[in-house]
């Protein structure tokens, strides 16, 4: 796993690299690697997206520990696989990437479809998950149909900040319609709630209070089925809450970690 370069995001010293595992290509952007004794945060994007719309959240978390923001195969400019990638395969790749990075335990943070990836990883590899954070989690089985999702995405975009819409549009174009639609079918078929019920680490569900995609009933369901679940809603924000309210989202994540540490 050779570094591909070092970049800077605002005040952050971000180390970027690509890894290839079983023919799949992933990209990793890390900060603070090697800071022993501090939390490790692993950030995973949703359908069609990349590290770019998680950059603000990564910047907020970076002073408090090591961060790794991972682009899965076919997203963020990584090589697209020839066939659809299941949630189980994606989680296995995430776990293998963390092995290469020397990560033994981390706060797993996923947005939208990313919540599916990290939930599956927490079930596959329990020691890797110290905490689980699901932001705007996909996909509510009551609304897991393409037309409903398209309508909800349109409703969401109407009131997201221009910066958020610009990021999502650019990443959707880079992802391409073929890969997006292949993975959309995977996302809609996956039951996040069925996997979260097997997670025993502290689990936090975060949603924007006006999110039309990850609705309150669904997020409440997830927090209830998790072994040690809780729900935080951030009023006035929508599906891209980790971008539009990065500071408040990070504060909720850090509170989860600190509260658990105090309890111990």
Protein backbone atom coordinates (compact mmCIF):
# COMPACT_ATOMS: atom_id res chain seq x y z
CA UNK A 1 0.00 0.00 0.00
CA UNK A 2 2.05 2.92 -1.23
CA UNK A 3 1.21 6.56 -0.55
CA UNK A 4 0.07 8.47 -3.61
CA UNK A 5 0.71 11.91 -2.17
CA UNK A 6 0.02 14.42 0.55
CA UNK A 7 -2.63 17.13 0.29
CA UNK A 8 -3.97 19.92 2.45
CA UNK A 9 -7.59 20.70 3.29
CA UNK A 10 -7.76 24.07 5.06
CA UNK A 11 -5.60 23.61 8.18
CA UNK A 12 -5.50 19.83 7.85
CA UNK A 13 -2.51 17.83 6.77
CA UNK A 14 -4.29 15.15 4.77
CA UNK A 15 -2.38 12.11 3.58
CA UNK A 16 -3.96 10.51 0.51
CA UNK A 17 -3.30 7.04 -0.81
CA UNK A 18 -4.91 4.32 -2.89
CA UNK A 19 -5.09 0.62 -2.05
CA UNK A 20 -6.00 -2.37 -4.17
CA UNK A 21 -7.61 -5.39 -2.49
CA UNK A 22 -8.66 -8.46 -4.49
CA UNK A 23 -8.76 -6.32 -7.62
CA UNK A 24 -10.91 -3.59 -6.04
CA UNK A 25 -9.49 -0.08 -5.75
CA UNK A 26 -10.20 2.14 -2.72
CA UNK A 27 -8.88 5.59 -1.80
CA UNK A 28 -8.07 6.76 1.73
CA UNK A 29 -7.56 10.28 3.06
CA UNK A 30 -6.09 10.29 6.56
CA UNK A 31 -5.19 12.79 9.25
CA UNK A 32 -3.24 12.29 12.45
CA UNK A 33 -2.22 8.72 11.64
CA UNK A 34 -0.10 7.26 14.41
CA UNK A 35 -1.62 9.32 17.24
CA UNK A 36 -1.76 6.49 19.75
CA UNK A 37 -4.18 6.59 22.63
CA UNK A 38 -6.68 8.78 20.78
CA UNK A 39 -9.89 7.73 19.01
CA UNK A 40 -9.83 6.62 15.39
CA UNK A 41 -12.71 7.81 13.20
CA UNK A 42 -13.51 6.02 9.93
CA UNK A 43 -15.81 7.96 7.59
CA UNK A 44 -17.68 6.27 4.73
CA UNK A 45 -19.73 8.02 2.05
CA UNK A 46 -23.12 7.17 0.58
CA UNK A 47 -24.37 6.21 -2.87
CA UNK A 48 -22.71 8.13 -5.70
CA UNK A 49 -20.68 10.23 -3.32
CA UNK A 50 -17.07 10.54 -2.12
CA UNK A 51 -14.87 11.91 0.64
CA UNK A 52 -15.57 15.44 -0.57
CA UNK A 53 -18.93 15.88 1.16
CA UNK A 54 -17.45 14.41 4.35
CA UNK A 55 -14.51 16.85 4.36
CA UNK A 56 -16.09 19.30 6.79
CA UNK A 57 -16.92 16.54 9.26
CA UNK A 58 -13.43 15.11 8.94
CA UNK A 59 -11.99 18.57 9.63
CA UNK A 60 -14.10 18.87 12.80
CA UNK A 61 -13.10 15.42 14.09
CA UNK A 62 -9.41 15.65 13.19
CA UNK A 63 -8.28 17.59 16.30
CA UNK A 64 -9.71 14.84 18.50
CA UNK A 65 -8.04 11.78 16.95
CA UNK A 66 -6.97 10.00 13.80
CA UNK A 67 -9.38 10.13 10.85
CA UNK A 68 -9.63 7.96 7.75
CA UNK A 69 -12.12 8.92 5.04
CA UNK A 70 -12.50 6.07 2.56
CA UNK A 71 -13.77 6.10 -1.03
CA UNK A 72 -15.17 2.72 -1.98
CA UNK A 73 -14.70 1.12 -5.43
CA UNK A 74 -16.45 3.04 -8.20
CA UNK A 75 -16.82 6.21 -6.15
CA UNK A 76 -14.70 9.33 -5.85
CA UNK A 77 -12.77 8.48 -9.01
CA UNK A 78 -11.76 4.96 -7.98
CA UNK A 79 -11.94 2.20 -10.57
CA UNK A 80 -15.47 0.88 -11.16
CA UNK A 81 -15.94 -2.87 -10.70
CA UNK A 82 -17.38 -4.88 -13.56
CA UNK A 83 -20.39 -6.06 -11.57
CA UNK A 84 -22.49 -4.83 -8.67
CA UNK A 85 -20.76 -4.76 -5.29
CA UNK A 86 -22.79 -6.15 -2.41
CA UNK A 87 -22.89 -4.54 1.01
CA UNK A 88 -21.13 -7.61 2.40
CA UNK A 89 -18.27 -7.33 -0.11
CA UNK A 90 -17.92 -3.59 0.50
CA UNK A 91 -17.75 -4.18 4.26
CA UNK A 92 -15.12 -6.88 3.78
CA UNK A 93 -13.06 -4.44 1.70
CA UNK A 94 -13.40 -1.77 4.37
CA UNK A 95 -12.22 -4.21 7.01
CA UNK A 96 -9.23 -5.24 4.90
CA UNK A 97 -8.35 -1.58 4.32
CA UNK A 98 -8.40 -0.91 8.05
CA UNK A 99 -6.15 -3.94 8.54
CA UNK A 100 -3.66 -2.41 6.11
CA UNK A 101 -3.86 0.90 7.96
CA UNK A 102 -3.15 -0.84 11.26
CA UNK A 103 -6.55 0.08 12.70
CA UNK A 104 -7.76 -2.39 15.31
CA UNK A 105 -10.76 -0.47 16.68
CA UNK A 106 -12.53 2.63 15.42
CA UNK A 107 -15.60 4.81 15.56
CA UNK A 108 -17.33 3.75 12.33
CA UNK A 109 -19.25 6.63 10.75
CA UNK A 110 -21.39 6.16 7.64
CA UNK A 111 -23.69 8.55 5.82
CA UNK A 112 -26.79 7.34 3.91
CA UNK A 113 -25.74 4.13 2.10
CA UNK A 114 -22.49 4.44 4.03
CA UNK A 115 -24.53 3.60 7.13
CA UNK A 116 -25.23 0.21 5.53
CA UNK A 117 -21.54 -0.40 4.85
CA UNK A 118 -20.42 0.38 8.40
CA UNK A 119 -23.32 -1.52 9.98
CA UNK A 120 -22.35 -4.62 8.02
CA UNK A 121 -18.69 -4.15 8.96
CA UNK A 122 -19.64 -3.90 12.66
CA UNK A 123 -21.43 -7.26 12.33
CA UNK A 124 -18.71 -8.93 10.26
CA UNK A 125 -15.82 -7.70 12.40
CA UNK A 126 -17.10 -6.72 15.88
CA UNK A 127 -13.65 -5.86 17.33
CA UNK A 128 -13.18 -3.21 14.64
CA UNK A 129 -16.17 -1.20 15.89
CA UNK A 130 -15.76 0.67 19.15
CA UNK A 131 -18.81 2.79 18.28
CA UNK A 132 -21.22 2.97 15.35
CA UNK A 133 -22.59 6.24 13.93
CA UNK A 134 -25.31 6.24 11.26
CA UNK A 135 -25.94 9.65 9.68
CA UNK A 136 -29.06 9.98 7.53
CA UNK A 137 -29.15 6.18 7.22
CA UNK A 138 -30.51 4.37 4.15
CA UNK A 139 -32.84 2.78 3.33
CA UNK A 140 -36.22 2.86 5.05
CA UNK A 141 -37.92 -0.39 3.87
CA UNK A 142 -41.26 1.45 3.84
CA UNK A 143 -39.89 3.74 1.11
CA UNK A 144 -37.34 1.47 -0.58
CA UNK A 145 -38.56 2.06 -4.12
CA UNK A 146 -36.80 3.96 -6.89
CA UNK A 147 -39.57 6.44 -7.59
CA UNK A 148 -40.07 7.33 -3.93
CA UNK A 149 -36.35 7.76 -3.43
CA UNK A 150 -36.10 9.99 -6.50
CA UNK A 151 -38.91 12.18 -5.18
CA UNK A 152 -37.30 12.37 -1.73
CA UNK A 153 -33.92 13.29 -3.25
CA UNK A 154 -35.57 16.05 -5.28
CA UNK A 155 -37.34 17.40 -2.19
CA UNK A 156 -34.08 17.35 -0.30
CA UNK A 157 -32.08 19.14 -3.01
CA UNK A 158 -34.55 22.02 -3.12
CA UNK A 159 -33.48 23.12 0.35
CA UNK A 160 -29.90 21.95 0.68
CA UNK A 161 -27.17 24.63 0.58
CA UNK A 162 -25.70 25.40 -2.83
CA UNK A 163 -22.33 24.03 -1.72
CA UNK A 164 -23.91 20.68 -0.85
CA UNK A 165 -25.80 20.42 -4.13
CA UNK A 166 -22.64 21.30 -6.06
CA UNK A 167 -20.73 18.49 -4.35
CA UNK A 168 -23.45 15.90 -4.90
CA UNK A 169 -23.96 16.83 -8.56
CA UNK A 170 -20.23 16.66 -9.35
CA UNK A 171 -19.84 13.32 -7.59
CA UNK A 172 -22.92 11.83 -9.27
CA UNK A 173 -21.43 12.77 -12.65
CA UNK A 174 -18.09 11.24 -11.72
CA UNK A 175 -19.78 8.06 -10.47
CA UNK A 176 -21.77 7.70 -13.70
CA UNK A 177 -25.33 6.44 -14.18
CA UNK A 178 -24.46 2.79 -14.79
CA UNK A 179 -22.58 2.27 -11.54
CA UNK A 180 -25.04 4.43 -9.61
CA UNK A 181 -28.02 2.36 -10.75
CA UNK A 182 -26.24 -0.92 -10.09
CA UNK A 183 -25.50 0.09 -6.52
CA UNK A 184 -28.91 1.69 -6.05
CA UNK A 185 -30.50 -1.74 -6.41
CA UNK A 186 -28.09 -3.09 -3.79
CA UNK A 187 -28.92 -0.26 -1.39
CA UNK A 188 -32.69 -0.59 -1.72
CA UNK A 189 -32.57 -4.36 -1.08
CA UNK A 190 -30.45 -4.15 2.07
CA UNK A 191 -32.14 -4.20 5.50
CA UNK A 192 -30.04 -1.96 7.71
CA UNK A 193 -32.32 -2.62 10.67
CA UNK A 194 -31.76 -6.37 10.41
CA UNK A 195 -28.00 -5.88 10.76
CA UNK A 196 -28.05 -3.12 13.38
CA UNK A 197 -29.97 -5.36 15.77
CA UNK A 198 -26.83 -7.51 16.02
CA UNK A 199 -24.59 -4.57 16.99
CA UNK A 200 -23.81 -4.33 20.70
CA UNK A 201 -21.48 -1.30 20.76
CA UNK A 202 -22.87 2.21 21.42
CA UNK A 203 -24.77 3.19 18.29
CA UNK A 204 -25.78 6.74 17.43
CA UNK A 205 -28.26 7.65 14.71
CA UNK A 206 -28.03 11.28 13.52
CA UNK A 207 -30.51 12.95 11.19
CA UNK A 208 -31.23 16.44 10.02
CA UNK A 209 -34.57 17.42 11.52
CA UNK A 210 -35.99 18.11 8.04
CA UNK A 211 -34.43 15.14 6.23
CA UNK A 212 -37.02 13.71 3.77
CA UNK A 213 -34.89 10.63 3.07
CA UNK A 214 -33.91 9.40 6.54
CA UNK A 215 -37.22 10.18 8.21
CA UNK A 216 -37.78 10.34 11.95
CA UNK A 217 -39.78 7.12 12.22
CA UNK A 218 -37.10 5.13 10.41
CA UNK A 219 -34.24 6.63 12.44
CA UNK A 220 -36.14 5.96 15.65
CA UNK A 221 -36.61 2.35 14.55
CA UNK A 222 -32.86 1.95 14.04
CA UNK A 223 -31.92 3.50 17.37
CA UNK A 224 -34.47 1.26 19.10
CA UNK A 225 -33.28 -2.02 17.57
CA UNK A 226 -29.60 -1.35 18.25
CA UNK A 227 -28.37 -2.93 21.44
CA UNK A 228 -27.17 0.42 22.82
CA UNK A 229 -28.81 2.91 20.48
CA UNK A 230 -29.60 6.63 20.67
CA UNK A 231 -30.94 9.26 18.28
CA UNK A 232 -29.85 12.87 17.75
CA UNK A 233 -31.82 15.20 15.49
CA UNK A 234 -30.34 18.49 14.30
CA UNK A 235 -33.15 20.96 13.59
CA UNK A 236 -33.16 23.01 10.41
CA UNK A 237 -30.93 20.65 8.42
CA UNK A 238 -31.59 17.95 5.87
CA UNK A 239 -29.94 14.86 4.40
CA UNK A 240 -26.50 16.49 4.08
CA UNK A 241 -26.44 17.37 7.77
CA UNK A 242 -22.81 16.24 8.07
CA UNK A 243 -21.95 18.97 5.54
CA UNK A 244 -24.37 21.76 6.45
CA UNK A 245 -24.00 21.27 10.22
CA UNK A 246 -20.58 19.63 10.45
CA UNK A 247 -19.70 21.16 13.82
CA UNK A 248 -22.92 19.99 15.48
CA UNK A 249 -22.67 16.56 13.86
CA UNK A 250 -19.10 16.16 15.09
CA UNK A 251 -20.13 17.31 18.57
CA UNK A 252 -22.76 14.54 18.71
CA UNK A 253 -20.19 11.95 17.64
CA UNK A 254 -17.66 13.15 20.20
CA UNK A 255 -20.29 13.19 22.93
CA UNK A 256 -21.04 9.54 22.18
CA UNK A 257 -17.38 8.61 22.54
CA UNK A 258 -16.83 10.69 25.68
CA UNK A 259 -19.98 9.44 27.39
CA UNK A 260 -18.95 5.85 26.76
CA UNK A 261 -15.44 6.53 28.06
CA UNK A 262 -16.85 8.11 31.21
CA UNK A 263 -19.16 5.16 31.76
CA UNK A 264 -16.22 2.80 31.59
